[in-house]
Amino acid sequence: MEQISSVQNPIIKMVASLHRKKNRQEAGLFIIEGFKGVEDALRYGIKITHIFINQSAMEKTVGFPQNIVYQVNEKVLKKISATDSPCEVMAVAKQFQYRTEDLVKEENSLVIVLEDIKDSGNLGTIIRTSKAAGVSGIILTGNSADIFNPKTVRSSAGNLWKIPILYLEDKTALKQTLKSHKDFQFISTVVTENTKNYFEIDYKIPSVVMFGSEAKGLSEELINQSDLSVKIPMHSEVESLNLSVSAGVILYEAFLQKNFPAIR
């Protein structure tokens, strides 16, 4: 097991550079922070290239592949961490990719589309909620946050690699692309004259639910591809909900309809 005590070590400099999206893309790597995240990634077959552990917590290396474990001090952990209070265990992993086919394997697939979502924490929270609510996959489009941003990875709480996620550059081809695999209903989260409440929709059939950014909402390009639109009723003095909360409300309605039909 190699020991690293200097923040000038080439390996440490490489890891610290992964805080920037450009460097992550060029290297094809990303950072995982925390013992649970690293353990889950290993369990799910994510390719880990380096594991860094605080010298005071070496007992936590049990079960880790020792040839990639590095013993480091607090100073080094702070250098490679994206937070002010670094975890005892951190790792570097190879990025992974999914295909459209991976999102539509389930008979009654539920896919969500996130357009121009900027907040990495929101994105990570939605990924976590999506996995919990049985979502089949996530499509990012527009100028959306990077799923491999350390804040996204951390907010997803070990669920980033448990649900298919892909980026679709040409949003105008969304409906055509997904319809070629399955007869989806496309649902936009915008308020129009004929908008229905979110609980009035049948999610037991293949569905695509599209969410826009909190700042701008859904683009016309996506709205024009929707078959119907939904809203979340709320108190008249409140204009909107946080994006991740809105997604959670709708996704759990779909989850209840599919898994607890007696109460829906």
Protein backbone atom coordinates (compact mmCIF):
# COMPACT_ATOMS: atom_id res chain seq x y z
CA MET A 1 0.00 0.00 0.00
CA GLU A 2 1.48 3.31 -1.08
CA GLN A 3 1.55 6.30 1.23
CA ILE A 4 1.12 9.86 -0.07
CA SER A 5 1.76 12.81 2.21
CA SER A 6 2.38 15.66 -0.25
CA VAL A 7 -0.28 17.66 -2.09
CA GLN A 8 2.30 18.10 -4.86
CA ASN A 9 2.26 14.39 -5.66
CA PRO A 10 1.33 13.92 -9.38
CA ILE A 11 -1.50 11.54 -8.49
CA ILE A 12 -2.99 14.05 -6.07
CA LYS A 13 -2.70 16.85 -8.62
CA MET A 14 -4.50 14.67 -11.17
CA VAL A 15 -7.35 13.93 -8.76
CA ALA A 16 -7.70 17.59 -7.75
CA SER A 17 -7.97 18.52 -11.44
CA LEU A 18 -11.12 16.37 -11.70
CA HIS A 19 -13.07 19.11 -9.91
CA ARG A 20 -13.31 20.74 -13.35
CA LYS A 21 -15.73 19.33 -15.92
CA LYS A 22 -13.28 19.74 -18.81
CA ASN A 23 -10.65 17.67 -17.03
CA ARG A 24 -13.19 14.99 -16.05
CA GLN A 25 -14.30 14.67 -19.66
CA GLU A 26 -10.76 14.47 -21.01
CA ALA A 27 -9.69 11.87 -18.45
CA GLY A 28 -12.98 9.97 -18.43
CA LEU A 29 -12.83 9.89 -14.64
CA PHE A 30 -14.82 11.20 -11.66
CA ILE A 31 -14.55 11.42 -7.88
CA ILE A 32 -16.56 9.44 -5.32
CA GLU A 33 -16.54 10.66 -1.71
CA GLY A 34 -17.42 8.65 1.38
CA PHE A 35 -17.08 5.05 2.46
CA LYS A 36 -20.64 4.06 1.48
CA GLY A 37 -20.30 5.54 -2.00
CA VAL A 38 -17.00 3.79 -2.66
CA GLU A 39 -18.28 0.49 -1.29
CA ASP A 40 -21.48 0.70 -3.38
CA ALA A 41 -19.53 1.56 -6.53
CA LEU A 42 -17.30 -1.46 -6.07
CA ARG A 43 -20.33 -3.66 -5.45
CA TYR A 44 -22.03 -2.44 -8.64
CA GLY A 45 -18.97 -3.10 -10.74
CA ILE A 46 -17.88 0.50 -11.29
CA LYS A 47 -14.22 0.53 -12.30
CA ILE A 48 -12.26 2.17 -9.48
CA THR A 49 -8.73 3.32 -10.29
CA HIS A 50 -7.64 4.86 -6.96
CA ILE A 51 -8.87 4.74 -3.36
CA PHE A 52 -7.57 7.27 -0.83
CA ILE A 53 -8.10 6.70 2.87
CA ASN A 54 -7.19 8.72 5.93
CA GLN A 55 -4.31 7.14 7.82
CA SER A 56 -6.48 7.15 10.96
CA ALA A 57 -9.15 4.97 9.32
CA MET A 58 -7.12 2.19 7.75
CA GLU A 59 -9.42 -0.49 9.19
CA LYS A 60 -11.99 0.57 6.58
CA THR A 61 -9.84 -0.79 3.76
CA VAL A 62 -11.01 -4.34 4.48
CA GLY A 63 -12.57 -5.67 1.29
CA PHE A 64 -11.02 -2.98 -0.90
CA PRO A 65 -8.56 -4.05 -3.64
CA GLN A 66 -5.32 -3.23 -1.85
CA ASN A 67 -3.32 -2.57 -5.03
CA ILE A 68 -5.25 0.69 -5.62
CA VAL A 69 -5.46 1.89 -1.99
CA TYR A 70 -3.39 4.92 -0.95
CA GLN A 71 -2.88 5.97 2.66
CA VAL A 72 -3.06 9.76 2.94
CA ASN A 73 -3.26 12.47 5.57
CA GLU A 74 -5.92 15.11 6.25
CA LYS A 75 -4.08 17.71 4.19
CA VAL A 76 -4.11 15.53 1.08
CA LEU A 77 -7.79 14.65 1.54
CA LYS A 78 -8.66 18.35 1.73
CA LYS A 79 -6.76 18.94 -1.50
CA ILE A 80 -8.75 16.36 -3.46
CA SER A 81 -12.12 16.84 -1.77
CA ALA A 82 -14.83 19.12 -3.14
CA THR A 83 -16.07 19.91 0.38
CA ASP A 84 -14.61 21.83 3.32
CA SER A 85 -14.87 18.73 5.52
CA PRO A 86 -13.47 15.81 3.51
CA CYS A 87 -14.60 12.24 4.03
CA GLU A 88 -12.22 9.63 5.39
CA VAL A 89 -12.42 7.66 2.15
CA MET A 90 -12.40 8.95 -1.43
CA ALA A 91 -11.97 7.27 -4.78
CA VAL A 92 -11.46 7.94 -8.47
CA ALA A 93 -13.60 5.94 -10.89
CA LYS A 94 -14.02 5.60 -14.63
CA GLN A 95 -17.05 7.28 -16.18
CA PHE A 96 -19.71 5.04 -17.68
CA GLN A 97 -22.25 5.47 -20.48
CA TYR A 98 -25.73 4.17 -21.28
CA ARG A 99 -27.70 3.79 -24.50
CA THR A 100 -31.32 4.69 -25.18
CA GLU A 101 -32.15 0.98 -25.12
CA ASP A 102 -31.13 0.83 -21.47
CA LEU A 103 -33.90 3.28 -20.51
CA VAL A 104 -36.80 1.35 -22.05
CA LYS A 105 -36.25 -2.25 -20.95
CA GLU A 106 -39.21 -2.35 -18.55
CA GLU A 107 -42.66 -3.10 -19.94
CA ASN A 108 -44.24 0.05 -18.53
CA SER A 109 -41.16 2.24 -18.58
CA LEU A 110 -41.18 5.60 -16.82
CA VAL A 111 -38.54 7.95 -18.23
CA ILE A 112 -37.94 11.50 -17.04
CA VAL A 113 -36.39 14.30 -19.08
CA LEU A 114 -34.50 17.14 -17.39
CA GLU A 115 -33.89 20.20 -19.54
CA ASP A 116 -31.32 22.85 -18.59
CA ILE A 117 -31.05 21.74 -14.98
CA LYS A 118 -28.15 23.80 -13.63
CA ASP A 119 -27.97 22.91 -9.93
CA SER A 120 -25.78 19.86 -9.37
CA GLY A 121 -27.31 19.24 -5.95
CA ASN A 122 -30.82 19.24 -7.42
CA LEU A 123 -29.71 16.83 -10.12
CA GLY A 124 -28.20 14.43 -7.60
CA THR A 125 -31.33 14.57 -5.45
CA ILE A 126 -33.55 13.83 -8.48
CA ILE A 127 -31.33 10.87 -9.41
CA ARG A 128 -31.71 9.50 -5.88
CA THR A 129 -35.48 10.05 -5.86
CA SER A 130 -35.85 8.55 -9.33
CA LYS A 131 -34.19 5.31 -8.25
CA ALA A 132 -36.34 5.15 -5.13
CA ALA A 133 -39.51 5.71 -7.18
CA GLY A 134 -38.69 3.05 -9.74
CA VAL A 135 -37.91 5.34 -12.68
CA SER A 136 -36.55 3.44 -15.68
CA GLY A 137 -34.10 6.10 -16.80
CA ILE A 138 -33.20 9.77 -17.02
CA ILE A 139 -32.48 11.89 -20.09
CA LEU A 140 -30.60 15.16 -19.76
CA THR A 141 -30.81 17.73 -22.51
CA GLY A 142 -29.91 21.35 -23.09
CA ASN A 143 -27.29 23.00 -20.91
CA SER A 144 -27.64 20.64 -17.96
CA ALA A 145 -25.29 19.98 -15.06
CA ASP A 146 -22.71 17.23 -15.32
CA ILE A 147 -23.76 13.98 -13.66
CA PHE A 148 -20.11 13.41 -12.71
CA ASN A 149 -19.79 16.71 -10.86
CA PRO A 150 -18.66 15.82 -7.29
CA LYS A 151 -21.73 17.58 -5.85
CA THR A 152 -24.06 15.56 -8.10
CA VAL A 153 -22.31 12.32 -7.19
CA ARG A 154 -22.52 13.16 -3.49
CA SER A 155 -26.19 14.25 -3.63
CA SER A 156 -27.18 11.08 -5.48
CA ALA A 157 -26.13 9.14 -2.35
CA GLY A 158 -24.67 6.18 -4.24
CA ASN A 159 -27.49 5.97 -6.79
CA LEU A 160 -25.72 7.53 -9.78
CA TRP A 161 -24.70 4.13 -11.12
CA LYS A 162 -27.97 2.39 -10.26
CA ILE A 163 -30.19 4.05 -12.89
CA PRO A 164 -29.52 4.60 -16.62
CA ILE A 165 -28.78 8.25 -17.43
CA LEU A 166 -27.87 9.67 -20.81
CA TYR A 167 -27.48 13.04 -22.49
CA LEU A 168 -29.51 13.76 -25.63
CA GLU A 169 -28.06 16.62 -27.63
CA ASP A 170 -30.87 16.93 -30.18
CA LYS A 171 -33.95 17.63 -28.05
CA THR A 172 -36.11 18.05 -31.15
CA ALA A 173 -35.72 14.33 -31.82
CA LEU A 174 -36.72 13.24 -28.31
CA LYS A 175 -40.18 11.91 -29.16
CA GLN A 176 -39.06 10.24 -32.35
CA THR A 177 -36.12 8.59 -30.61
CA LEU A 178 -38.15 7.14 -27.74
CA LYS A 179 -41.23 6.29 -29.82
CA SER A 180 -39.03 4.06 -31.97
CA HIS A 181 -38.62 1.84 -28.91
CA LYS A 182 -42.02 2.05 -27.22
CA ASP A 183 -45.40 3.79 -27.51
CA PHE A 184 -44.84 6.38 -24.79
CA GLN A 185 -47.20 9.12 -23.66
CA PHE A 186 -45.27 12.39 -23.37
CA ILE A 187 -46.14 14.57 -20.38
CA SER A 188 -44.96 18.15 -19.97
CA THR A 189 -44.91 19.94 -16.64
CA VAL A 190 -46.40 23.24 -17.81
CA VAL A 191 -49.67 24.96 -17.03
CA THR A 192 -52.01 25.39 -20.00
CA GLU A 193 -55.76 25.64 -20.44
CA ASN A 194 -56.14 21.85 -20.53
CA THR A 195 -53.54 20.98 -17.89
CA LYS A 196 -54.52 18.15 -15.54
CA ASN A 197 -53.56 17.62 -11.93
CA TYR A 198 -50.60 15.25 -11.66
CA PHE A 199 -52.72 12.57 -9.90
CA GLU A 200 -55.26 12.48 -12.75
CA ILE A 201 -52.76 10.91 -15.15
CA ASP A 202 -52.39 7.18 -15.77
CA TYR A 203 -48.71 6.37 -15.24
CA LYS A 204 -49.25 2.62 -15.55
CA ILE A 205 -48.61 2.89 -19.26
CA PRO A 206 -45.19 3.80 -20.74
CA SER A 207 -44.64 7.46 -19.89
CA VAL A 208 -42.10 10.22 -20.41
CA VAL A 209 -42.34 13.13 -17.96
CA MET A 210 -40.46 16.28 -18.98
CA PHE A 211 -39.20 18.84 -16.45
CA GLY A 212 -37.70 22.22 -17.34
CA SER A 213 -35.38 24.44 -15.36
CA GLU A 214 -36.78 26.47 -12.48
CA ALA A 215 -35.67 29.67 -14.16
CA LYS A 216 -37.20 29.14 -17.61
CA GLY A 217 -39.36 26.03 -17.50
CA LEU A 218 -39.68 23.76 -20.51
CA SER A 219 -38.72 24.98 -23.94
CA GLU A 220 -41.25 25.14 -26.76
CA GLU A 221 -39.26 22.40 -28.49
CA LEU A 222 -40.22 19.95 -25.75
CA ILE A 223 -43.69 21.32 -25.03
CA ASN A 224 -44.61 20.79 -28.67
CA GLN A 225 -43.73 17.11 -28.34
CA SER A 226 -46.01 16.51 -25.36
CA ASP A 227 -49.35 14.74 -25.50
CA LEU A 228 -50.65 16.29 -22.27
CA SER A 229 -49.48 18.50 -19.44
CA VAL A 230 -49.68 18.26 -15.66
CA LYS A 231 -49.52 20.59 -12.69
CA ILE A 232 -49.14 20.27 -8.94
CA PRO A 233 -51.90 22.15 -7.09
CA MET A 234 -50.59 24.37 -4.32
CA HIS A 235 -51.48 27.26 -2.06
CA SER A 236 -52.30 30.45 -3.97
CA GLU A 237 -49.54 32.37 -2.21
CA VAL A 238 -46.85 29.99 -3.49
CA GLU A 239 -45.70 30.34 -7.09
CA SER A 240 -43.64 27.18 -7.50
CA LEU A 241 -41.88 24.27 -5.83
CA ASN A 242 -38.22 23.37 -5.92
CA LEU A 243 -37.54 21.28 -9.02
CA SER A 244 -36.42 18.21 -7.09
CA VAL A 245 -39.53 18.43 -4.88
CA SER A 246 -41.81 18.72 -7.92
CA ALA A 247 -40.15 15.70 -9.49
CA GLY A 248 -40.54 13.73 -6.27
CA VAL A 249 -44.27 14.49 -6.01
CA ILE A 250 -45.01 13.32 -9.55
CA LEU A 251 -42.66 10.32 -9.51
CA TYR A 252 -44.16 9.00 -6.30
CA GLU A 253 -47.65 9.27 -7.72
CA ALA A 254 -46.44 7.04 -10.56
CA PHE A 255 -44.81 4.71 -8.03
CA LEU A 256 -48.03 4.43 -6.02
CA GLN A 257 -50.14 3.72 -9.10
CA LYS A 258 -47.82 0.94 -10.20
CA ASN A 259 -47.10 -0.66 -6.85
CA PHE A 260 -50.11 0.17 -4.66
CA PRO A 261 -53.08 0.24 -7.06
CA ALA A 262 -55.56 -0.43 -4.24
CA ILE A 263 -55.03 3.07 -2.86
CA ARG A 264 -54.95 4.71 -6.27
